[in-house]
Amino acid sequence: MASQGAANSSGDGAAKALDPKVAEAIAAADAAGPQSGETVRVDSWIWSVRLVKTRSMGATACRGGHVRVNGDRVKPAHAVRVGDEVRLRHDGRERVVVVTRLIRKRVGAPVAVQCFIDNSPPPPPREAVAPAGMRDRGAGRPTKRDRREMERLRGLPGPGDGLGTDIGEPTP
């Protein structure tokens, strides 16, 4: 039984063989990566594995307190090591990743996903994200009634809500 389990696990590894182009890209990324014992800046790493679009966006996120390594807010020059947990709040979503490989240069998406383990919560469904009060294209300018309904859906205070003064109301 134990030998069958070992045979199955080795068979699974063969089934997950990498595409030759991806394997070549991984080899290039390893060659461009830091030597053993060296570290990589956190802003550079989150850019390299494609969590942010530009390195300057990564640095800005660090300065704004949106990046945490092992639970601590970090500066852009903080050193990242294999095994660190990196939390990034970006685009209204929190990404939680564990570093498995250090790279300095930006690589293709198939290589980038092998540099971390993604433990992020699933994104909210698109229906929950849809903005309230969107009008159909070509529907024309909204009427006053439409506008008030959109404001009510968005939760904005409108006239008659007791938050502002309407014409003819005495001022307190």
N, C-alpha and C. Protein backbone atom coordinates (compact mmCIF):
# COMPACT_ATOMS: atom_id res chain seq x y z
N MET A 1 0.82 -1.19 0.00
CA MET A 1 0.00 0.00 0.00
C MET A 1 0.87 1.26 0.00
N ALA A 2 1.89 1.27 0.87
CA ALA A 2 2.75 2.44 0.95
C ALA A 2 3.50 2.65 -0.36
N SER A 3 3.89 1.55 -1.01
CA SER A 3 4.60 1.70 -2.29
C SER A 3 3.67 2.24 -3.36
N GLN A 4 2.37 1.89 -3.29
CA GLN A 4 1.42 2.43 -4.27
C GLN A 4 1.26 3.94 -4.07
N GLY A 5 1.21 4.36 -2.82
CA GLY A 5 1.08 5.79 -2.53
C GLY A 5 2.29 6.55 -3.04
N ALA A 6 3.50 5.95 -2.86
CA ALA A 6 4.70 6.60 -3.36
C ALA A 6 4.69 6.64 -4.88
N ALA A 7 4.22 5.55 -5.50
CA ALA A 7 4.17 5.52 -6.96
C ALA A 7 3.18 6.56 -7.48
N ASN A 8 2.04 6.72 -6.80
CA ASN A 8 1.05 7.70 -7.23
C ASN A 8 1.58 9.11 -7.09
N SER A 9 2.28 9.38 -6.00
CA SER A 9 2.78 10.73 -5.79
C SER A 9 3.85 11.06 -6.81
N SER A 10 4.69 10.06 -7.20
CA SER A 10 5.69 10.35 -8.23
C SER A 10 5.00 10.50 -9.58
N GLY A 11 3.94 9.76 -9.81
CA GLY A 11 3.19 9.88 -11.05
C GLY A 11 2.53 11.25 -11.16
N ASP A 12 2.05 11.80 -10.02
CA ASP A 12 1.43 13.12 -10.03
C ASP A 12 2.47 14.16 -10.41
N GLY A 13 3.69 14.00 -9.93
CA GLY A 13 4.75 14.95 -10.25
C GLY A 13 5.05 14.93 -11.74
N ALA A 14 5.01 13.75 -12.35
CA ALA A 14 5.26 13.65 -13.78
C ALA A 14 4.11 14.28 -14.56
N ALA A 15 2.89 14.17 -14.03
CA ALA A 15 1.73 14.74 -14.72
C ALA A 15 1.79 16.27 -14.68
N LYS A 16 2.44 16.82 -13.67
CA LYS A 16 2.52 18.27 -13.54
C LYS A 16 3.81 18.80 -14.16
N ALA A 17 4.40 18.10 -15.12
CA ALA A 17 5.63 18.54 -15.76
C ALA A 17 5.40 19.91 -16.40
N LEU A 18 6.43 20.73 -16.29
CA LEU A 18 6.32 22.10 -16.78
C LEU A 18 6.54 22.17 -18.29
N ASP A 19 5.92 23.15 -18.87
CA ASP A 19 6.15 23.45 -20.28
C ASP A 19 7.62 23.84 -20.43
N PRO A 20 8.30 23.43 -21.50
CA PRO A 20 9.73 23.75 -21.64
C PRO A 20 10.01 25.26 -21.61
N LYS A 21 9.10 26.07 -22.15
CA LYS A 21 9.31 27.53 -22.12
C LYS A 21 9.24 28.06 -20.69
N VAL A 22 8.30 27.52 -19.90
CA VAL A 22 8.16 27.94 -18.51
C VAL A 22 9.39 27.51 -17.71
N ALA A 23 9.86 26.28 -17.95
CA ALA A 23 11.06 25.80 -17.26
C ALA A 23 12.26 26.66 -17.60
N GLU A 24 12.37 27.08 -18.86
CA GLU A 24 13.47 27.95 -19.27
C GLU A 24 13.36 29.31 -18.59
N ALA A 25 12.15 29.84 -18.49
CA ALA A 25 11.94 31.13 -17.83
C ALA A 25 12.25 31.05 -16.35
N ILE A 26 11.91 29.92 -15.71
CA ILE A 26 12.22 29.74 -14.29
C ILE A 26 13.73 29.71 -14.09
N ALA A 27 14.43 29.02 -14.98
CA ALA A 27 15.89 28.96 -14.88
C ALA A 27 16.49 30.36 -15.03
N ALA A 28 15.95 31.16 -15.96
CA ALA A 28 16.44 32.52 -16.15
C ALA A 28 16.15 33.38 -14.92
N ALA A 29 14.97 33.19 -14.31
CA ALA A 29 14.62 33.96 -13.11
C ALA A 29 15.53 33.58 -11.95
N ASP A 30 15.85 32.28 -11.82
CA ASP A 30 16.76 31.86 -10.76
C ASP A 30 18.15 32.45 -10.96
N ALA A 31 18.59 32.50 -12.22
CA ALA A 31 19.91 33.07 -12.50
C ALA A 31 19.94 34.56 -12.19
N ALA A 32 18.84 35.27 -12.44
CA ALA A 32 18.77 36.70 -12.18
C ALA A 32 18.46 37.01 -10.73
N GLY A 33 18.05 36.02 -9.97
CA GLY A 33 17.69 36.23 -8.57
C GLY A 33 18.91 36.42 -7.69
N PRO A 34 18.69 36.69 -6.42
CA PRO A 34 19.80 36.89 -5.49
C PRO A 34 20.52 35.59 -5.20
N GLN A 35 21.78 35.71 -4.81
CA GLN A 35 22.56 34.53 -4.43
C GLN A 35 22.06 34.03 -3.07
N SER A 36 22.49 32.84 -2.67
CA SER A 36 22.02 32.28 -1.40
C SER A 36 22.44 33.18 -0.25
N GLY A 37 21.50 33.41 0.66
CA GLY A 37 21.75 34.25 1.82
C GLY A 37 21.39 35.71 1.59
N GLU A 38 21.21 36.14 0.34
CA GLU A 38 20.84 37.51 0.06
C GLU A 38 19.33 37.69 0.17
N THR A 39 18.92 38.92 0.26
CA THR A 39 17.50 39.23 0.37
C THR A 39 17.09 40.17 -0.77
N VAL A 40 15.79 40.43 -0.87
CA VAL A 40 15.24 41.31 -1.90
C VAL A 40 14.35 42.34 -1.21
N ARG A 41 14.35 43.56 -1.74
CA ARG A 41 13.46 44.60 -1.21
C ARG A 41 12.00 44.20 -1.43
N VAL A 42 11.12 44.53 -0.48
CA VAL A 42 9.72 44.12 -0.58
C VAL A 42 9.02 44.81 -1.74
N ASP A 43 9.31 46.09 -1.99
CA ASP A 43 8.65 46.77 -3.12
C ASP A 43 9.06 46.15 -4.45
N SER A 44 10.31 45.77 -4.55
CA SER A 44 10.80 45.13 -5.77
C SER A 44 10.19 43.73 -5.94
N TRP A 45 10.06 43.00 -4.85
CA TRP A 45 9.53 41.64 -4.94
C TRP A 45 8.05 41.63 -5.34
N ILE A 46 7.24 42.50 -4.72
CA ILE A 46 5.81 42.49 -5.05
C ILE A 46 5.58 42.96 -6.49
N TRP A 47 6.49 43.78 -7.01
CA TRP A 47 6.42 44.16 -8.42
C TRP A 47 6.86 43.00 -9.31
N SER A 48 7.92 42.30 -8.91
CA SER A 48 8.46 41.20 -9.71
C SER A 48 7.47 40.06 -9.88
N VAL A 49 6.69 39.77 -8.84
CA VAL A 49 5.73 38.67 -8.92
C VAL A 49 4.35 39.15 -9.36
N ARG A 50 4.28 40.38 -9.85
CA ARG A 50 3.08 40.93 -10.48
C ARG A 50 1.91 41.14 -9.53
N LEU A 51 2.18 41.49 -8.27
CA LEU A 51 1.09 41.85 -7.36
C LEU A 51 0.71 43.31 -7.55
N VAL A 52 1.66 44.15 -8.01
CA VAL A 52 1.39 45.54 -8.36
C VAL A 52 1.92 45.79 -9.76
N LYS A 53 1.42 46.84 -10.39
CA LYS A 53 1.75 47.10 -11.79
C LYS A 53 3.15 47.68 -11.97
N THR A 54 3.56 48.58 -11.08
CA THR A 54 4.88 49.20 -11.19
C THR A 54 5.59 49.14 -9.85
N ARG A 55 6.92 49.26 -9.89
CA ARG A 55 7.68 49.23 -8.65
C ARG A 55 7.38 50.46 -7.80
N SER A 56 7.16 51.59 -8.44
CA SER A 56 6.83 52.79 -7.68
C SER A 56 5.48 52.65 -6.98
N MET A 57 4.53 51.91 -7.58
CA MET A 57 3.26 51.64 -6.90
C MET A 57 3.50 50.76 -5.67
N GLY A 58 4.44 49.84 -5.77
CA GLY A 58 4.80 49.00 -4.63
C GLY A 58 5.40 49.83 -3.51
N ALA A 59 6.29 50.76 -3.86
CA ALA A 59 6.90 51.63 -2.87
C ALA A 59 5.86 52.54 -2.22
N THR A 60 4.94 53.06 -3.02
CA THR A 60 3.88 53.93 -2.50
C THR A 60 2.97 53.14 -1.55
N ALA A 61 2.66 51.90 -1.90
CA ALA A 61 1.82 51.06 -1.04
C ALA A 61 2.53 50.81 0.29
N CYS A 62 3.84 50.59 0.25
CA CYS A 62 4.59 50.38 1.49
C CYS A 62 4.57 51.64 2.36
N ARG A 63 4.83 52.79 1.73
CA ARG A 63 4.84 54.04 2.50
C ARG A 63 3.46 54.36 3.07
N GLY A 64 2.41 53.94 2.37
CA GLY A 64 1.05 54.21 2.84
C GLY A 64 0.55 53.21 3.88
N GLY A 65 1.37 52.23 4.23
CA GLY A 65 0.98 51.26 5.24
C GLY A 65 0.12 50.13 4.72
N HIS A 66 0.12 49.92 3.41
CA HIS A 66 -0.71 48.88 2.81
C HIS A 66 0.00 47.54 2.66
N VAL A 67 1.28 47.49 3.02
CA VAL A 67 2.05 46.25 2.91
C VAL A 67 2.53 45.86 4.29
N ARG A 68 2.27 44.59 4.65
CA ARG A 68 2.74 44.06 5.93
C ARG A 68 3.51 42.78 5.65
N VAL A 69 4.63 42.63 6.33
CA VAL A 69 5.43 41.40 6.25
C VAL A 69 5.43 40.79 7.64
N ASN A 70 4.91 39.59 7.74
CA ASN A 70 4.78 38.89 9.03
C ASN A 70 4.04 39.72 10.06
N GLY A 71 3.04 40.48 9.61
CA GLY A 71 2.19 41.24 10.51
C GLY A 71 2.67 42.65 10.81
N ASP A 72 3.85 43.03 10.38
CA ASP A 72 4.40 44.37 10.66
C ASP A 72 4.36 45.23 9.41
N ARG A 73 3.99 46.51 9.60
CA ARG A 73 4.06 47.45 8.48
C ARG A 73 5.52 47.63 8.12
N VAL A 74 5.79 47.73 6.84
CA VAL A 74 7.19 47.81 6.42
C VAL A 74 7.41 48.97 5.47
N LYS A 75 8.67 49.40 5.37
CA LYS A 75 9.09 50.41 4.42
C LYS A 75 9.46 49.71 3.11
N PRO A 76 9.58 50.47 2.02
CA PRO A 76 9.88 49.84 0.73
C PRO A 76 11.19 49.05 0.71
N ALA A 77 12.17 49.43 1.51
CA ALA A 77 13.48 48.77 1.48
C ALA A 77 13.56 47.57 2.42
N HIS A 78 12.46 47.18 3.04
CA HIS A 78 12.47 46.04 3.95
C HIS A 78 12.87 44.77 3.20
N ALA A 79 13.70 43.96 3.83
CA ALA A 79 14.19 42.73 3.19
C ALA A 79 13.16 41.61 3.33
N VAL A 80 12.88 40.93 2.23
CA VAL A 80 11.95 39.81 2.22
C VAL A 80 12.77 38.53 2.11
N ARG A 81 12.37 37.50 2.85
CA ARG A 81 13.05 36.21 2.82
C ARG A 81 12.06 35.11 2.49
N VAL A 82 12.55 33.98 2.09
CA VAL A 82 11.69 32.84 1.79
C VAL A 82 10.97 32.44 3.07
N GLY A 83 9.66 32.23 2.98
CA GLY A 83 8.85 31.84 4.13
C GLY A 83 8.10 33.00 4.77
N ASP A 84 8.41 34.25 4.39
CA ASP A 84 7.71 35.41 4.93
C ASP A 84 6.28 35.47 4.39
N GLU A 85 5.36 35.96 5.23
CA GLU A 85 3.98 36.19 4.80
C GLU A 85 3.84 37.67 4.45
N VAL A 86 3.44 37.96 3.24
CA VAL A 86 3.29 39.34 2.77
C VAL A 86 1.80 39.59 2.56
N ARG A 87 1.29 40.66 3.19
CA ARG A 87 -0.11 41.07 3.03
C ARG A 87 -0.12 42.41 2.31
N LEU A 88 -0.89 42.48 1.24
CA LEU A 88 -0.95 43.69 0.42
C LEU A 88 -2.40 44.06 0.20
N ARG A 89 -2.76 45.31 0.58
CA ARG A 89 -4.09 45.83 0.27
C ARG A 89 -3.96 46.66 -0.99
N HIS A 90 -4.66 46.22 -2.07
CA HIS A 90 -4.51 46.89 -3.36
C HIS A 90 -5.80 46.71 -4.14
N ASP A 91 -6.28 47.77 -4.75
CA ASP A 91 -7.50 47.74 -5.56
C ASP A 91 -8.70 47.24 -4.77
N GLY A 92 -8.83 47.63 -3.51
CA GLY A 92 -9.98 47.25 -2.70
C GLY A 92 -10.00 45.80 -2.28
N ARG A 93 -8.87 45.13 -2.35
CA ARG A 93 -8.79 43.71 -2.03
C ARG A 93 -7.51 43.44 -1.27
N GLU A 94 -7.54 42.48 -0.35
CA GLU A 94 -6.33 42.12 0.38
C GLU A 94 -5.76 40.85 -0.20
N ARG A 95 -4.47 40.87 -0.52
CA ARG A 95 -3.76 39.70 -1.02
C ARG A 95 -2.85 39.20 0.09
N VAL A 96 -2.91 37.92 0.40
CA VAL A 96 -2.06 37.30 1.41
C VAL A 96 -1.25 36.22 0.70
N VAL A 97 0.08 36.41 0.66
CA VAL A 97 0.95 35.47 -0.04
C VAL A 97 2.12 35.07 0.85
N VAL A 98 2.62 33.86 0.64
CA VAL A 98 3.80 33.37 1.34
C VAL A 98 4.91 33.25 0.31
N VAL A 99 6.07 33.83 0.60
CA VAL A 99 7.19 33.86 -0.32
C VAL A 99 7.81 32.47 -0.43
N THR A 100 7.92 31.94 -1.65
CA THR A 100 8.58 30.65 -1.86
C THR A 100 9.87 30.80 -2.66
N ARG A 101 10.00 31.88 -3.42
CA ARG A 101 11.22 32.10 -4.20
C ARG A 101 11.46 33.61 -4.28
N LEU A 102 12.71 34.00 -4.18
CA LEU A 102 13.08 35.41 -4.29
C LEU A 102 13.51 35.70 -5.71
N ILE A 103 12.94 36.76 -6.28
CA ILE A 103 13.37 37.22 -7.60
C ILE A 103 13.46 38.73 -7.56
N ARG A 104 14.34 39.28 -8.41
CA ARG A 104 14.53 40.73 -8.46
C ARG A 104 13.93 41.34 -9.71
N LYS A 105 13.91 40.57 -10.78
CA LYS A 105 13.43 41.10 -12.06
C LYS A 105 12.02 40.60 -12.33
N ARG A 106 11.24 41.42 -13.03
CA ARG A 106 9.86 41.05 -13.37
C ARG A 106 9.89 39.90 -14.37
N VAL A 107 9.05 38.92 -14.11
CA VAL A 107 9.02 37.73 -14.94
C VAL A 107 7.60 37.52 -15.45
N GLY A 108 7.44 36.56 -16.34
CA GLY A 108 6.13 36.25 -16.89
C GLY A 108 5.21 35.68 -15.83
N ALA A 109 3.93 35.75 -16.10
CA ALA A 109 2.92 35.30 -15.13
C ALA A 109 3.07 33.83 -14.75
N PRO A 110 3.37 32.89 -15.68
CA PRO A 110 3.52 31.49 -15.27
C PRO A 110 4.67 31.28 -14.28
N VAL A 111 5.73 32.09 -14.41
CA VAL A 111 6.86 31.98 -13.48
C VAL A 111 6.53 32.68 -12.17
N ALA A 112 5.85 33.82 -12.27
CA ALA A 112 5.54 34.62 -11.08
C ALA A 112 4.68 33.84 -10.09
N VAL A 113 3.71 33.07 -10.56
CA VAL A 113 2.83 32.35 -9.65
C VAL A 113 3.56 31.24 -8.90
N GLN A 114 4.73 30.84 -9.38
CA GLN A 114 5.50 29.82 -8.68
C GLN A 114 6.43 30.41 -7.62
N CYS A 115 6.45 31.73 -7.50
CA CYS A 115 7.30 32.39 -6.52
C CYS A 115 6.58 32.66 -5.21
N PHE A 116 5.30 32.35 -5.13
CA PHE A 116 4.55 32.55 -3.89
C PHE A 116 3.39 31.58 -3.82
N ILE A 117 2.89 31.42 -2.59
CA ILE A 117 1.68 30.63 -2.35
C ILE A 117 0.59 31.62 -1.99
N ASP A 118 -0.49 31.63 -2.74
CA ASP A 118 -1.56 32.60 -2.54
C ASP A 118 -2.57 32.08 -1.52
N ASN A 119 -2.65 32.75 -0.37
CA ASN A 119 -3.61 32.40 0.68
C ASN A 119 -4.69 33.47 0.80
N SER A 120 -4.92 34.23 -0.25
CA SER A 120 -5.87 35.34 -0.22
C SER A 120 -7.30 34.82 -0.14
N PRO A 121 -8.16 35.58 0.53
CA PRO A 121 -9.58 35.21 0.49
C PRO A 121 -10.11 35.42 -0.92
N PRO A 122 -11.12 34.67 -1.31
CA PRO A 122 -11.64 34.83 -2.67
C PRO A 122 -12.23 36.22 -2.86
N PRO A 123 -12.14 36.76 -4.08
CA PRO A 123 -12.70 38.08 -4.31
C PRO A 123 -14.22 38.04 -4.21
N PRO A 124 -14.84 39.18 -3.87
CA PRO A 124 -16.30 39.18 -3.78
C PRO A 124 -16.90 38.96 -5.16
N PRO A 125 -18.11 38.39 -5.22
CA PRO A 125 -18.74 38.17 -6.53
C PRO A 125 -18.99 39.49 -7.24
N ARG A 126 -18.97 39.47 -8.55
CA ARG A 126 -19.12 40.69 -9.33
C ARG A 126 -20.45 41.39 -9.09
N GLU A 127 -21.51 40.62 -8.77
CA GLU A 127 -22.81 41.25 -8.52
C GLU A 127 -22.74 42.15 -7.30
N ALA A 128 -21.96 41.74 -6.29
CA ALA A 128 -21.85 42.54 -5.07
C ALA A 128 -21.03 43.80 -5.32
N VAL A 129 -20.18 43.81 -6.33
CA VAL A 129 -19.31 44.94 -6.58
C VAL A 129 -19.95 45.96 -7.51
N ALA A 130 -20.98 45.58 -8.26
CA ALA A 130 -21.60 46.46 -9.24
C ALA A 130 -22.10 47.74 -8.58
N PRO A 131 -21.76 48.88 -9.15
CA PRO A 131 -22.19 50.15 -8.54
C PRO A 131 -23.69 50.33 -8.65
N ALA A 132 -24.25 50.92 -7.63
CA ALA A 132 -25.70 51.16 -7.60
C ALA A 132 -26.02 52.40 -8.42
N GLY A 133 -27.15 52.37 -9.08
CA GLY A 133 -27.62 53.55 -9.79
C GLY A 133 -27.00 53.73 -11.16
N MET A 134 -26.50 52.68 -11.77
CA MET A 134 -25.96 52.81 -13.13
C MET A 134 -27.12 52.87 -14.12
N ARG A 135 -27.00 53.75 -15.09
CA ARG A 135 -28.05 53.91 -16.10
C ARG A 135 -27.62 53.25 -17.39
N ASP A 136 -28.58 52.83 -18.16
CA ASP A 136 -28.31 52.25 -19.47
C ASP A 136 -27.74 53.32 -20.39
N ARG A 137 -26.83 52.88 -21.24
CA ARG A 137 -26.24 53.81 -22.20
C ARG A 137 -27.33 54.28 -23.18
N GLY A 138 -27.36 55.58 -23.41
CA GLY A 138 -28.34 56.14 -24.34
C GLY A 138 -29.69 56.41 -23.70
N ALA A 139 -29.79 56.28 -22.38
CA ALA A 139 -31.07 56.50 -21.70
C ALA A 139 -31.35 57.99 -21.53
N GLY A 140 -30.37 58.82 -21.84
CA GLY A 140 -30.58 60.26 -21.71
C GLY A 140 -30.27 60.77 -20.31
N ARG A 141 -30.51 62.03 -20.15
CA ARG A 141 -30.24 62.69 -18.88
C ARG A 141 -31.26 62.24 -17.84
N PRO A 142 -30.80 61.96 -16.59
CA PRO A 142 -31.77 61.51 -15.58
C PRO A 142 -32.71 62.64 -15.16
N THR A 143 -33.94 62.29 -14.86
CA THR A 143 -34.89 63.27 -14.35
C THR A 143 -34.59 63.50 -12.88
N LYS A 144 -35.25 64.49 -12.32
CA LYS A 144 -35.04 64.78 -10.90
C LYS A 144 -35.43 63.57 -10.06
N ARG A 145 -36.50 62.90 -10.45
CA ARG A 145 -36.95 61.71 -9.72
C ARG A 145 -35.89 60.60 -9.81
N ASP A 146 -35.32 60.38 -11.03
CA ASP A 146 -34.26 59.38 -11.19
C ASP A 146 -33.05 59.73 -10.33
N ARG A 147 -32.66 61.00 -10.33
CA ARG A 147 -31.50 61.42 -9.57
C ARG A 147 -31.71 61.19 -8.07
N ARG A 148 -32.88 61.53 -7.56
CA ARG A 148 -33.15 61.31 -6.14
C ARG A 148 -33.16 59.82 -5.79
N GLU A 149 -33.66 58.99 -6.71
CA GLU A 149 -33.65 57.55 -6.48
C GLU A 149 -32.22 57.01 -6.45
N MET A 150 -31.37 57.50 -7.35
CA MET A 150 -29.97 57.07 -7.35
C MET A 150 -29.26 57.50 -6.06
N GLU A 151 -29.53 58.72 -5.61
CA GLU A 151 -28.93 59.19 -4.36
C GLU A 151 -29.38 58.33 -3.18
N ARG A 152 -30.67 57.95 -3.18
CA ARG A 152 -31.18 57.11 -2.10
C ARG A 152 -30.50 55.76 -2.12
N LEU A 153 -30.30 55.17 -3.31
CA LEU A 153 -29.62 53.88 -3.40
C LEU A 153 -28.17 53.96 -2.94
N ARG A 154 -27.51 55.07 -3.23
CA ARG A 154 -26.12 55.24 -2.82
C ARG A 154 -25.98 55.58 -1.35
N GLY A 155 -27.08 55.95 -0.72
CA GLY A 155 -27.03 56.30 0.70
C GLY A 155 -26.66 57.74 0.95
N LEU A 156 -26.77 58.58 -0.07
CA LEU A 156 -26.44 59.99 0.08
C LEU A 156 -27.65 60.74 0.61
N PRO A 157 -27.42 61.73 1.44
CA PRO A 157 -28.56 62.51 1.94
C PRO A 157 -29.13 63.38 0.83
N GLY A 158 -30.42 63.42 0.77
CA GLY A 158 -31.11 64.23 -0.23
C GLY A 158 -31.96 65.27 0.44
N PRO A 159 -32.65 66.07 -0.33
CA PRO A 159 -33.52 67.07 0.26
C PRO A 159 -34.68 66.41 1.00
N GLY A 160 -35.02 66.97 2.13
CA GLY A 160 -36.12 66.44 2.91
C GLY A 160 -35.70 65.33 3.87
N ASP A 161 -34.40 65.05 3.94
CA ASP A 161 -33.92 64.03 4.86
C ASP A 161 -33.65 64.58 6.24
N GLY A 162 -33.85 65.89 6.42
CA GLY A 162 -33.63 66.48 7.73
C GLY A 162 -32.18 66.83 7.97
N LEU A 163 -31.33 66.63 6.97
CA LEU A 163 -29.91 66.92 7.15
C LEU A 163 -29.55 68.29 6.60
N GLY A 164 -30.34 68.83 5.74
CA GLY A 164 -30.09 70.15 5.18
C GLY A 164 -31.31 71.01 5.36
N THR A 165 -31.20 72.24 4.94
CA THR A 165 -32.36 73.12 5.04
C THR A 165 -32.95 73.32 3.67
N ASP A 166 -34.21 73.12 3.54
CA ASP A 166 -34.91 73.37 2.29
C ASP A 166 -35.43 74.78 2.28
N ILE A 167 -35.81 75.26 1.13
CA ILE A 167 -36.33 76.61 1.01
C ILE A 167 -37.66 76.68 1.76
N GLY A 168 -37.80 77.71 2.53
CA GLY A 168 -39.04 77.91 3.26
C GLY A 168 -39.00 77.32 4.66
N GLU A 169 -37.93 76.57 4.98
CA GLU A 169 -37.81 76.04 6.35
C GLU A 169 -37.17 77.10 7.24
N PRO A 170 -37.64 77.22 8.44
CA PRO A 170 -36.97 78.16 9.35
C PRO A 170 -35.62 77.60 9.79
N THR A 171 -34.66 78.46 9.88
CA THR A 171 -33.33 78.01 10.32
C THR A 171 -33.30 77.95 11.84
N PRO A 172 -32.70 76.90 12.40
CA PRO A 172 -32.70 76.77 13.87
C PRO A 172 -31.81 77.76 14.54
